[in-house]
Amino acid sequence: MISKKQFEKELNIIISNAIREDVGGGDYSSLACIPESAQGKAKLLVKEAGIIAGVEFAKKIFKYVDINLEIETLINDGEEVKYGDVVFYVSGSSLSILKAERLVLNAMQRMSAIATKTNKFANLLKGTKTKILDTRKTTPGIRAIEKWAVKIGGGENHRFALYDMIMLKDNHIDFAGGITKAIHKTQRYLKENHLDLKIIVEARSLKEIEEILKSNTIYRILIDNFNYDDTRKAVKMIGNKCLTESSGGITLETARKYADCGVDYISSGALTHSVYNMDLSLKAV
């Protein structure tokens, strides 16, 4: 995964770009009717049950807009919330609160939805060794907060992007001329370029798993679109030679069955690409 410093940089880019996009030359609606000296207070109100996420990110947004804004936190990231709960109060310049309002809500509604869905998967997998992973199927430009939300919900992050882990999927394998060629070329490339990256290889059949296992430098095998019986066979074949990951249309209805096959991880793009925002609002008090 990327470093903490790089992650913080990604968050700052998201905030600055979102404020640029939303505010532009100025929040004229607020400037037109609210005095610059006006002071106010608002509360983040929950209107739907779930797992709250984005509280710490909201603090970063408020401080980016106005360092003097004060936030009183009542509920922290990762905690369960219900209709009517107040997550935090923010007080200070009324103009600053209104300037930050939409970005805070957009981010927290999305992050809370992702955390809530991830938490459902994580709860389903309790009692097994299997952990739920996200993917790169994220909203362009805000990957950092979506992956942050997955962790808040009890999941784990897959690679952050194309640069922090090698993942040889079907197209890489086909374009390279086969699994063995793809792996050997990758190993050579990493060595020549002094890169220390883990290698994951996707398998589409038990035969491909046999071929992958001939290499001893594979970190994880992606058991893609296998049925339950073949997944169990694959896990037995792989043993402790490397880690295992099931993927391919796995849902809340099927996740536990794949976990019971003995895989180390299940990855699901649905954690980030198929969620409905949690209903939250920021109300003046």
Protein backbone atom coordinates (compact mmCIF):
# COMPACT_ATOMS: atom_id res chain seq x y z
CA MET A 1 0.00 0.00 0.00
CA ILE A 2 0.97 3.62 -0.36
CA SER A 3 2.69 5.43 2.52
CA LYS A 4 0.84 7.52 5.08
CA LYS A 5 2.49 10.64 3.66
CA GLN A 6 1.30 9.84 0.15
CA PHE A 7 -2.18 9.01 1.43
CA GLU A 8 -2.40 12.39 3.16
CA LYS A 9 -1.31 14.02 -0.08
CA GLU A 10 -4.14 12.25 -1.91
CA LEU A 11 -6.65 13.52 0.67
CA ASN A 12 -5.41 17.10 0.28
CA ILE A 13 -5.73 16.84 -3.50
CA ILE A 14 -9.32 15.61 -3.16
CA ILE A 15 -10.25 18.48 -0.84
CA SER A 16 -8.57 21.24 -2.84
CA ASN A 17 -10.00 20.03 -6.14
CA ALA A 18 -13.50 19.61 -4.70
CA ILE A 19 -13.49 23.11 -3.19
CA ARG A 20 -12.23 24.51 -6.50
CA GLU A 21 -15.01 22.71 -8.33
CA ASP A 22 -17.78 23.70 -5.92
CA VAL A 23 -16.86 27.21 -4.78
CA GLY A 24 -15.04 28.63 -7.79
CA GLY A 25 -14.96 32.43 -7.52
CA GLY A 26 -17.11 32.45 -4.40
CA ASP A 27 -20.19 31.19 -2.58
CA TYR A 28 -22.34 34.05 -3.77
CA SER A 29 -25.55 32.67 -2.24
CA SER A 30 -24.03 33.01 1.21
CA LEU A 31 -22.06 36.18 0.54
CA ALA A 32 -25.20 37.90 -0.71
CA CYS A 33 -27.21 37.52 2.49
CA ILE A 34 -24.90 36.66 5.40
CA PRO A 35 -22.52 39.21 6.98
CA GLU A 36 -18.83 38.30 6.93
CA SER A 37 -18.74 38.63 10.73
CA ALA A 38 -21.64 36.22 11.32
CA GLN A 39 -20.97 33.28 13.63
CA GLY A 40 -22.99 30.08 13.62
CA LYS A 41 -23.24 26.44 14.66
CA ALA A 42 -24.43 23.37 12.79
CA LYS A 43 -24.91 19.68 13.54
CA LEU A 44 -24.32 16.62 11.38
CA LEU A 45 -27.65 14.78 11.60
CA VAL A 46 -28.10 11.08 10.79
CA LYS A 47 -31.28 10.19 8.91
CA GLU A 48 -30.55 6.51 8.24
CA ALA A 49 -29.07 3.62 10.24
CA GLY A 50 -25.62 2.32 9.35
CA ILE A 51 -21.90 2.73 10.04
CA ILE A 52 -20.70 6.32 10.10
CA ALA A 53 -17.56 7.15 8.14
CA GLY A 54 -15.83 10.36 7.14
CA VAL A 55 -15.80 12.17 10.48
CA GLU A 56 -12.03 12.63 10.41
CA PHE A 57 -12.16 13.58 6.74
CA ALA A 58 -14.85 16.19 7.53
CA LYS A 59 -12.51 17.71 10.11
CA LYS A 60 -9.84 18.04 7.44
CA ILE A 61 -12.32 19.76 5.12
CA PHE A 62 -13.47 22.23 7.76
CA LYS A 63 -9.88 23.06 8.73
CA TYR A 64 -8.93 23.45 5.06
CA VAL A 65 -11.75 25.95 4.57
CA ASP A 66 -11.20 27.77 7.87
CA ILE A 67 -8.59 26.86 10.45
CA ASN A 68 -10.66 28.59 13.13
CA LEU A 69 -13.72 26.34 12.83
CA GLU A 70 -14.29 24.22 15.93
CA ILE A 71 -15.62 20.65 15.77
CA GLU A 72 -17.14 18.79 18.73
CA THR A 73 -17.24 15.08 17.94
CA LEU A 74 -19.96 12.96 19.52
CA ILE A 75 -19.69 9.80 17.36
CA ASN A 76 -16.47 8.50 15.80
CA ASP A 77 -15.71 6.80 12.51
CA GLY A 78 -16.74 3.14 12.46
CA GLU A 79 -19.50 3.42 15.06
CA GLU A 80 -23.07 2.35 14.45
CA VAL A 81 -25.59 5.15 14.06
CA LYS A 82 -29.37 5.38 13.89
CA TYR A 83 -31.92 7.90 12.72
CA GLY A 84 -31.75 11.10 14.77
CA ASP A 85 -28.17 10.72 16.02
CA VAL A 86 -25.94 13.79 15.97
CA VAL A 87 -22.40 12.93 14.88
CA PHE A 88 -20.72 16.27 15.52
CA TYR A 89 -21.22 20.00 15.94
CA VAL A 90 -19.22 22.56 13.98
CA SER A 91 -19.09 26.20 15.04
CA GLY A 92 -17.45 29.39 13.81
CA SER A 93 -17.84 31.55 10.75
CA SER A 94 -21.25 30.95 9.17
CA LEU A 95 -19.78 31.62 5.73
CA SER A 96 -17.08 28.99 6.28
CA ILE A 97 -19.55 26.37 7.49
CA LEU A 98 -21.71 26.89 4.41
CA LYS A 99 -18.68 26.80 2.13
CA ALA A 100 -17.66 23.39 3.45
CA GLU A 101 -21.19 21.96 3.84
CA ARG A 102 -21.70 20.23 0.48
CA LEU A 103 -18.26 18.63 0.31
CA VAL A 104 -18.60 17.33 3.87
CA LEU A 105 -22.01 15.82 3.10
CA ASN A 106 -21.04 14.38 -0.29
CA ALA A 107 -17.97 12.71 1.21
CA MET A 108 -19.58 11.43 4.40
CA GLN A 109 -22.69 10.10 2.68
CA ARG A 110 -20.56 8.12 0.24
CA MET A 111 -18.03 6.96 2.81
CA SER A 112 -20.73 5.88 5.26
CA ALA A 113 -22.50 3.85 2.58
CA ILE A 114 -19.25 2.07 1.72
CA ALA A 115 -18.40 1.46 5.38
CA THR A 116 -21.89 0.10 6.02
CA LYS A 117 -21.73 -2.34 3.11
CA THR A 118 -18.21 -3.43 4.01
CA ASN A 119 -19.30 -4.03 7.58
CA LYS A 120 -22.04 -6.39 6.38
CA PHE A 121 -19.42 -8.47 4.54
CA ALA A 122 -17.05 -8.40 7.51
CA ASN A 123 -19.78 -9.61 9.87
CA LEU A 124 -20.67 -12.43 7.49
CA LEU A 125 -17.06 -13.62 7.50
CA LYS A 126 -16.68 -13.72 11.28
CA GLY A 127 -15.56 -17.12 12.48
CA THR A 128 -13.53 -17.76 9.32
CA LYS A 129 -9.99 -16.73 8.45
CA THR A 130 -11.23 -14.87 5.35
CA LYS A 131 -10.97 -11.10 5.07
CA ILE A 132 -12.87 -8.81 2.73
CA LEU A 133 -10.89 -6.71 0.24
CA ASP A 134 -11.81 -3.77 -1.96
CA THR A 135 -10.64 -3.30 -5.58
CA ARG A 136 -9.69 -0.48 -7.96
CA LYS A 137 -13.34 -0.17 -9.02
CA THR A 138 -13.62 3.21 -7.34
CA THR A 139 -14.98 6.62 -8.29
CA PRO A 140 -12.31 8.49 -10.31
CA GLY A 141 -10.64 11.19 -8.23
CA ILE A 142 -11.79 10.07 -4.77
CA ARG A 143 -10.25 6.61 -4.43
CA ALA A 144 -8.44 7.54 -1.22
CA ILE A 145 -11.59 8.28 0.76
CA GLU A 146 -13.44 5.28 -0.65
CA LYS A 147 -10.65 2.93 0.38
CA TRP A 148 -10.47 4.70 3.75
CA ALA A 149 -14.18 3.97 4.18
CA VAL A 150 -13.59 0.26 3.48
CA LYS A 151 -11.10 0.12 6.35
CA ILE A 152 -13.49 1.99 8.64
CA GLY A 153 -16.13 -0.63 7.82
CA GLY A 154 -13.85 -3.49 8.85
CA GLY A 155 -12.40 -4.44 5.46
CA GLU A 156 -8.89 -4.34 4.07
CA ASN A 157 -7.43 -2.51 1.13
CA HIS A 158 -6.19 -4.30 -1.96
CA ARG A 159 -3.50 -2.43 -3.89
CA PHE A 160 -4.14 1.31 -4.01
CA ALA A 161 -3.29 1.73 -7.68
CA LEU A 162 -1.27 0.27 -10.54
CA TYR A 163 2.05 1.28 -9.01
CA ASP A 164 2.07 -0.38 -5.59
CA MET A 165 1.51 -4.05 -6.47
CA ILE A 166 1.79 -6.31 -9.50
CA MET A 167 -1.45 -7.99 -10.54
CA LEU A 168 -1.30 -10.21 -13.62
CA LYS A 169 -4.86 -10.66 -14.83
CA ASP A 170 -6.29 -12.43 -17.86
CA ASN A 171 -5.44 -9.69 -20.36
CA HIS A 172 -1.86 -9.37 -19.12
CA ILE A 173 -1.44 -13.13 -19.37
CA ASP A 174 -2.95 -13.33 -22.85
CA PHE A 175 -0.99 -10.36 -24.20
CA ALA A 176 2.25 -11.71 -22.69
CA GLY A 177 1.79 -15.11 -24.32
CA GLY A 178 0.75 -17.18 -21.31
CA ILE A 179 1.10 -17.41 -17.54
CA THR A 180 4.71 -18.59 -17.39
CA LYS A 181 5.90 -15.92 -19.80
CA ALA A 182 3.98 -13.22 -17.96
CA ILE A 183 5.50 -14.23 -14.62
CA HIS A 184 9.06 -14.54 -15.94
CA LYS A 185 8.86 -11.20 -17.73
CA THR A 186 7.50 -9.57 -14.58
CA GLN A 187 10.20 -11.03 -12.38
CA ARG A 188 12.87 -9.81 -14.79
CA TYR A 189 11.31 -6.35 -15.02
CA LEU A 190 11.17 -5.95 -11.23
CA LYS A 191 14.79 -7.03 -10.88
CA GLU A 192 16.06 -4.77 -13.66
CA ASN A 193 14.20 -1.77 -12.27
CA HIS A 194 15.03 -2.45 -8.61
CA LEU A 195 11.37 -2.67 -7.64
CA ASP A 196 10.17 -4.59 -4.61
CA LEU A 197 6.52 -5.31 -5.38
CA LYS A 198 4.33 -8.27 -4.49
CA ILE A 199 2.94 -10.33 -7.38
CA ILE A 200 -0.65 -11.55 -7.63
CA VAL A 201 -1.63 -13.79 -10.54
CA GLU A 202 -5.17 -14.51 -11.68
CA ALA A 203 -6.14 -18.11 -12.39
CA ARG A 204 -9.10 -19.07 -14.55
CA SER A 205 -8.83 -22.82 -14.03
CA LEU A 206 -7.21 -25.47 -11.85
CA LYS A 207 -4.75 -26.12 -14.66
CA GLU A 208 -3.63 -22.50 -14.57
CA ILE A 209 -3.12 -22.77 -10.81
CA GLU A 210 -0.79 -25.72 -11.39
CA GLU A 211 1.22 -23.58 -13.79
CA ILE A 212 1.34 -20.58 -11.44
CA LEU A 213 2.60 -22.77 -8.59
CA LYS A 214 5.72 -23.62 -10.57
CA SER A 215 6.96 -20.17 -9.61
CA ASN A 216 7.94 -19.58 -6.00
CA THR A 217 7.71 -15.79 -6.05
CA ILE A 218 3.93 -15.39 -6.16
CA TYR A 219 2.37 -13.58 -3.20
CA ARG A 220 -1.24 -14.45 -3.88
CA ILE A 221 -3.30 -16.38 -6.44
CA LEU A 222 -6.57 -14.83 -7.54
CA ILE A 223 -9.08 -17.66 -7.87
CA ASP A 224 -11.41 -15.93 -10.28
CA ASN A 225 -15.01 -16.98 -10.98
CA PHE A 226 -14.56 -20.52 -9.59
CA ASN A 227 -17.50 -22.48 -8.20
CA TYR A 228 -17.40 -23.70 -4.61
CA ASP A 229 -16.08 -27.20 -5.39
CA ASP A 230 -13.25 -25.95 -7.58
CA THR A 231 -12.41 -23.24 -5.04
CA ARG A 232 -11.95 -25.91 -2.37
CA LYS A 233 -9.77 -27.91 -4.75
CA ALA A 234 -7.72 -24.81 -5.56
CA VAL A 235 -7.17 -24.00 -1.88
CA LYS A 236 -6.00 -27.57 -1.25
CA MET A 237 -3.63 -27.44 -4.25
CA ILE A 238 -2.13 -24.14 -3.17
CA GLY A 239 -1.75 -25.10 0.49
CA ASN A 240 0.69 -22.77 2.22
CA LYS A 241 2.69 -21.96 -0.93
CA CYS A 242 1.02 -18.56 -1.17
CA LEU A 243 -2.13 -16.70 -0.17
CA THR A 244 -5.49 -17.18 -1.87
CA GLU A 245 -8.18 -14.76 -2.99
CA SER A 246 -11.64 -15.45 -4.39
CA SER A 247 -13.26 -12.92 -6.70
CA GLY A 248 -15.81 -12.59 -9.45
CA GLY A 249 -19.35 -11.49 -8.67
CA ILE A 250 -19.25 -12.51 -5.02
CA THR A 251 -22.23 -11.11 -3.11
CA LEU A 252 -23.51 -10.95 0.45
CA GLU A 253 -25.46 -14.11 -0.35
CA THR A 254 -22.41 -16.10 -1.49
CA ALA A 255 -19.51 -14.61 0.50
CA ARG A 256 -19.75 -16.96 3.47
CA LYS A 257 -19.80 -20.03 1.23
CA TYR A 258 -16.58 -18.92 -0.44
CA ALA A 259 -15.03 -18.16 2.94
CA ASP A 260 -15.92 -21.68 4.08
CA CYS A 261 -13.84 -22.98 1.15
CA GLY A 262 -10.79 -21.76 3.05
CA VAL A 263 -9.60 -18.75 1.05
CA ASP A 264 -7.59 -16.04 2.77
CA TYR A 265 -9.36 -13.17 1.05
CA ILE A 266 -12.50 -12.30 -0.87
CA SER A 267 -12.42 -9.21 -3.07
CA SER A 268 -15.52 -7.33 -4.11
CA GLY A 269 -15.76 -4.33 -6.38
CA ALA A 270 -19.33 -3.86 -5.15
CA LEU A 271 -17.99 -2.39 -1.91
CA THR A 272 -17.26 0.83 -3.77
CA HIS A 273 -19.04 0.73 -7.13
CA SER A 274 -22.53 -0.31 -6.01
CA VAL A 275 -23.64 1.62 -2.94
CA TYR A 276 -26.40 4.12 -2.22
CA ASN A 277 -25.37 7.14 -0.19
CA MET A 278 -26.38 7.22 3.44
CA ASP A 279 -28.87 9.99 4.22
CA LEU A 280 -27.14 12.70 6.29
CA SER A 281 -27.72 16.42 6.66
CA LEU A 282 -25.96 19.44 8.14
CA LYS A 283 -28.44 21.62 10.00
CA ALA A 284 -28.01 25.00 11.69
CA VAL A 285 -28.67 24.98 15.43
